[in-house]
Amino acid sequence: MRNTIKEEIHLLLNQVANGNHRAFREIFDKYHVKVFNYAIKFLKSEELAQEVVQEVFLKIWNQRENLSQVDNFGAYLRKVSINMTLDALKKIAAYERALVVSFSSWSEADNSTQEKLSHLDAQAYVDRLLEKLPPQQRLVYTMFYIDGLKQKEVAQSMNISLFTVKAHLRQALKNLRSMVDGNRAFLLTFIFLGLFEK
């Protein structure tokens, strides 16, 4: 029987965890463009986005022993990408603040960087909430809303029925809404990031 996408990635991750450079290269080839596109959206610099790509995959390689325990590599990669992009933006913000102090005036660029930092901080908050969901709900929700898979693709990858996928999504949305109930700012964060309706 043909391996599911999830099984194929899990096999590659196990090989990387054992120090297989060829498997690591395959993972890099599959995902580096996705990391680059994510980083450049915030950094607006190809050079800085490439640095984020290098930092992300260097971190993955340096912590490869943990990869065999990763259940959803897409979510894991996204979390590392957010953290590395945040680090890059904080360095930019620090540099721009130093310029502001030097010239005693606020720059439009600095405001833009702060907005991007706020957006990424919001995404980090979303990730923390997702960690509170039951494993199956979290996996289905992440694959559909964050990784962008269709419901049928999620069902195929997890080897479950489409009905079960829909049920997990409904319950995950219910749980997440209850977590942010009464906090309009966080509710708007989910809507803004496109993580409630699709």
Protein backbone atom coordinates (compact mmCIF):
# COMPACT_ATOMS: atom_id res chain seq x y z
CA MET A 1 0.00 0.00 0.00
CA ARG A 2 1.26 3.48 -0.88
CA ASN A 3 2.66 5.42 2.06
CA THR A 4 0.74 8.52 3.08
CA ILE A 5 2.43 11.92 2.92
CA LYS A 6 2.71 11.90 6.70
CA GLU A 7 4.38 8.48 6.72
CA GLU A 8 6.86 9.52 4.01
CA ILE A 9 7.87 12.64 5.92
CA HIS A 10 8.10 10.70 9.19
CA LEU A 11 10.42 8.20 7.52
CA LEU A 12 12.65 11.02 6.25
CA LEU A 13 12.71 12.63 9.70
CA ASN A 14 13.78 9.37 11.30
CA GLN A 15 16.61 9.13 8.78
CA VAL A 16 17.66 12.73 9.48
CA ALA A 17 17.54 11.99 13.23
CA ASN A 18 20.11 9.26 12.56
CA GLY A 19 22.39 11.71 10.75
CA ASN A 20 21.42 10.91 7.15
CA HIS A 21 22.58 13.89 5.07
CA ARG A 22 20.72 12.77 1.95
CA ALA A 23 17.40 12.66 3.83
CA PHE A 24 18.14 16.09 5.30
CA ARG A 25 18.77 17.44 1.79
CA GLU A 26 15.43 16.01 0.67
CA ILE A 27 13.65 17.72 3.56
CA PHE A 28 15.45 20.96 2.71
CA ASP A 29 14.48 20.69 -0.97
CA LYS A 30 10.84 20.07 -0.03
CA TYR A 31 10.47 22.95 2.41
CA HIS A 32 13.09 25.67 1.95
CA VAL A 33 10.97 27.69 -0.50
CA LYS A 34 8.07 27.66 1.95
CA VAL A 35 10.31 29.01 4.72
CA PHE A 36 11.77 31.65 2.37
CA ASN A 37 8.33 32.85 1.24
CA TYR A 38 7.19 33.09 4.84
CA ALA A 39 10.26 35.05 5.97
CA ILE A 40 10.35 37.48 3.05
CA LYS A 41 6.71 38.42 3.68
CA PHE A 42 7.85 40.07 6.92
CA LEU A 43 11.47 40.96 6.24
CA LYS A 44 11.05 42.33 2.70
CA SER A 45 14.65 41.36 1.97
CA GLU A 46 15.82 38.37 -0.02
CA GLU A 47 19.16 38.39 1.78
CA LEU A 48 17.57 38.37 5.24
CA ALA A 49 15.00 35.77 4.18
CA GLN A 50 17.82 33.50 2.95
CA GLU A 51 19.55 33.94 6.31
CA VAL A 52 16.35 32.84 8.06
CA VAL A 53 16.19 29.77 5.82
CA GLN A 54 19.78 28.90 6.77
CA GLU A 55 19.10 29.46 10.49
CA VAL A 56 15.90 27.38 10.40
CA PHE A 57 17.49 24.36 8.77
CA LEU A 58 20.67 24.69 10.81
CA LYS A 59 18.52 24.52 13.94
CA ILE A 60 16.66 21.51 12.57
CA TRP A 61 19.95 19.73 11.85
CA ASN A 62 21.48 20.63 15.22
CA GLN A 63 18.39 19.31 17.00
CA ARG A 64 17.89 16.36 14.67
CA GLU A 65 17.80 13.85 17.53
CA ASN A 66 14.34 15.19 18.41
CA LEU A 67 12.89 14.82 14.91
CA SER A 68 11.71 11.23 15.40
CA GLN A 69 9.29 12.58 18.03
CA VAL A 70 7.80 15.24 15.72
CA ASP A 71 4.25 14.26 14.79
CA ASN A 72 3.49 17.17 12.45
CA PHE A 73 6.57 18.50 10.69
CA GLY A 74 4.62 21.31 9.00
CA ALA A 75 3.61 22.75 12.38
CA TYR A 76 7.13 22.19 13.77
CA LEU A 77 8.71 23.95 10.79
CA ARG A 78 6.27 26.83 11.07
CA LYS A 79 7.10 27.32 14.74
CA VAL A 80 10.85 27.38 14.07
CA SER A 81 10.29 29.76 11.13
CA ILE A 82 8.23 32.13 13.27
CA ASN A 83 10.91 32.19 15.97
CA MET A 84 13.76 32.80 13.52
CA THR A 85 11.83 35.51 11.68
CA LEU A 86 10.99 37.14 15.00
CA ASP A 87 14.67 37.11 15.92
CA ALA A 88 15.56 38.76 12.61
CA LEU A 89 12.86 41.42 13.04
CA LYS A 90 13.98 42.15 16.60
CA LYS A 91 17.52 42.72 15.34
CA ILE A 92 16.15 45.11 12.69
CA ALA A 93 14.01 46.89 15.28
CA ALA A 94 16.99 47.24 17.64
CA TYR A 95 19.09 48.71 14.83
CA GLU A 96 16.32 51.12 13.83
CA ARG A 97 15.80 52.19 17.45
CA ALA A 98 19.52 52.93 17.67
CA LEU A 99 19.18 55.15 14.60
CA VAL A 100 16.16 56.84 16.14
CA VAL A 101 18.16 57.66 19.27
CA SER A 102 21.02 58.97 17.12
CA PHE A 103 18.80 61.25 15.05
CA SER A 104 16.15 61.92 17.76
CA SER A 105 13.24 61.11 15.45
CA TRP A 106 10.98 58.12 14.82
CA SER A 107 11.12 56.53 11.41
CA GLU A 108 8.26 55.10 9.41
CA ALA A 109 10.35 51.95 8.88
CA ASP A 110 10.54 51.39 12.64
CA ASN A 111 6.74 51.51 12.95
CA SER A 112 6.47 49.00 10.13
CA THR A 113 8.88 46.63 11.89
CA GLN A 114 6.94 46.92 15.15
CA GLU A 115 3.72 46.02 13.31
CA LYS A 116 5.36 42.91 11.87
CA LEU A 117 6.65 41.94 15.31
CA SER A 118 3.15 42.29 16.73
CA HIS A 119 1.77 40.08 13.97
CA LEU A 120 4.33 37.37 14.61
CA ASP A 121 3.79 37.61 18.36
CA ALA A 122 0.11 36.99 17.67
CA GLN A 123 1.01 33.88 15.66
CA ALA A 124 3.17 32.67 18.55
CA TYR A 125 0.17 33.11 20.86
CA VAL A 126 -1.97 31.07 18.45
CA ASP A 127 0.61 28.30 18.49
CA ARG A 128 0.51 28.20 22.30
CA LEU A 129 -3.28 27.82 22.22
CA LEU A 130 -3.05 25.06 19.63
CA GLU A 131 -0.77 23.10 21.96
CA LYS A 132 -3.67 22.92 24.42
CA LEU A 133 -5.90 21.05 21.96
CA PRO A 134 -6.11 17.23 22.04
CA PRO A 135 -3.46 15.75 19.68
CA GLN A 136 -5.87 14.61 16.94
CA GLN A 137 -7.77 17.90 16.91
CA ARG A 138 -4.51 19.88 16.86
CA LEU A 139 -3.13 17.83 13.98
CA VAL A 140 -6.28 18.09 11.84
CA TYR A 141 -6.64 21.81 12.58
CA THR A 142 -2.99 22.53 11.77
CA MET A 143 -2.98 20.54 8.54
CA PHE A 144 -6.16 22.25 7.32
CA TYR A 145 -5.88 25.86 8.51
CA ILE A 146 -2.10 26.30 8.70
CA ASP A 147 -0.54 23.86 6.24
CA GLY A 148 -3.32 24.56 3.74
CA LEU A 149 -4.31 20.98 2.94
CA LYS A 150 -7.84 20.24 1.74
CA GLN A 151 -10.07 18.22 4.05
CA LYS A 152 -9.83 15.22 1.72
CA GLU A 153 -6.03 15.46 1.78
CA VAL A 154 -6.04 15.60 5.59
CA ALA A 155 -8.25 12.49 5.69
CA GLN A 156 -5.93 10.66 3.28
CA SER A 157 -2.77 11.69 5.11
CA MET A 158 -4.13 10.65 8.51
CA ASN A 159 -5.93 7.59 7.15
CA ILE A 160 -9.25 8.68 8.67
CA SER A 161 -12.68 9.42 7.18
CA LEU A 162 -13.70 12.82 5.84
CA PHE A 163 -16.50 12.81 8.42
CA THR A 164 -13.94 12.40 11.21
CA VAL A 165 -11.87 15.28 9.82
CA LYS A 166 -14.93 17.56 9.81
CA ALA A 167 -15.81 16.48 13.36
CA HIS A 168 -12.29 17.22 14.62
CA LEU A 169 -12.33 20.65 12.94
CA ARG A 170 -15.70 21.55 14.47
CA GLN A 171 -14.57 20.54 17.95
CA ALA A 172 -11.19 22.27 17.59
CA LEU A 173 -12.90 25.52 16.56
CA LYS A 174 -15.30 25.21 19.48
CA ASN A 175 -12.43 24.66 21.92
CA LEU A 176 -10.36 27.55 20.53
CA ARG A 177 -13.31 29.92 20.65
CA SER A 178 -13.90 28.99 24.28
CA MET A 179 -10.24 29.73 25.05
CA VAL A 180 -10.50 33.26 23.63
CA ASP A 181 -14.10 33.87 24.72
CA GLY A 182 -14.47 37.32 26.24
CA ASN A 183 -11.14 38.50 24.84
CA ARG A 184 -12.08 40.40 21.70
CA ALA A 185 -8.46 41.21 20.84
CA PHE A 186 -7.43 37.56 20.69
CA LEU A 187 -10.63 36.62 18.84
CA LEU A 188 -9.79 39.23 16.20
CA THR A 189 -6.26 37.82 16.06
CA PHE A 190 -7.62 34.44 15.00
CA ILE A 191 -9.92 36.01 12.40
CA PHE A 192 -7.10 38.23 11.09
CA LEU A 193 -4.76 35.25 10.71
CA GLY A 194 -7.51 33.33 8.91
CA LEU A 195 -7.60 30.55 11.49
CA PHE A 196 -11.33 30.45 12.24
CA GLU A 197 -13.07 30.40 8.87
CA LYS A 198 -11.96 28.86 5.58
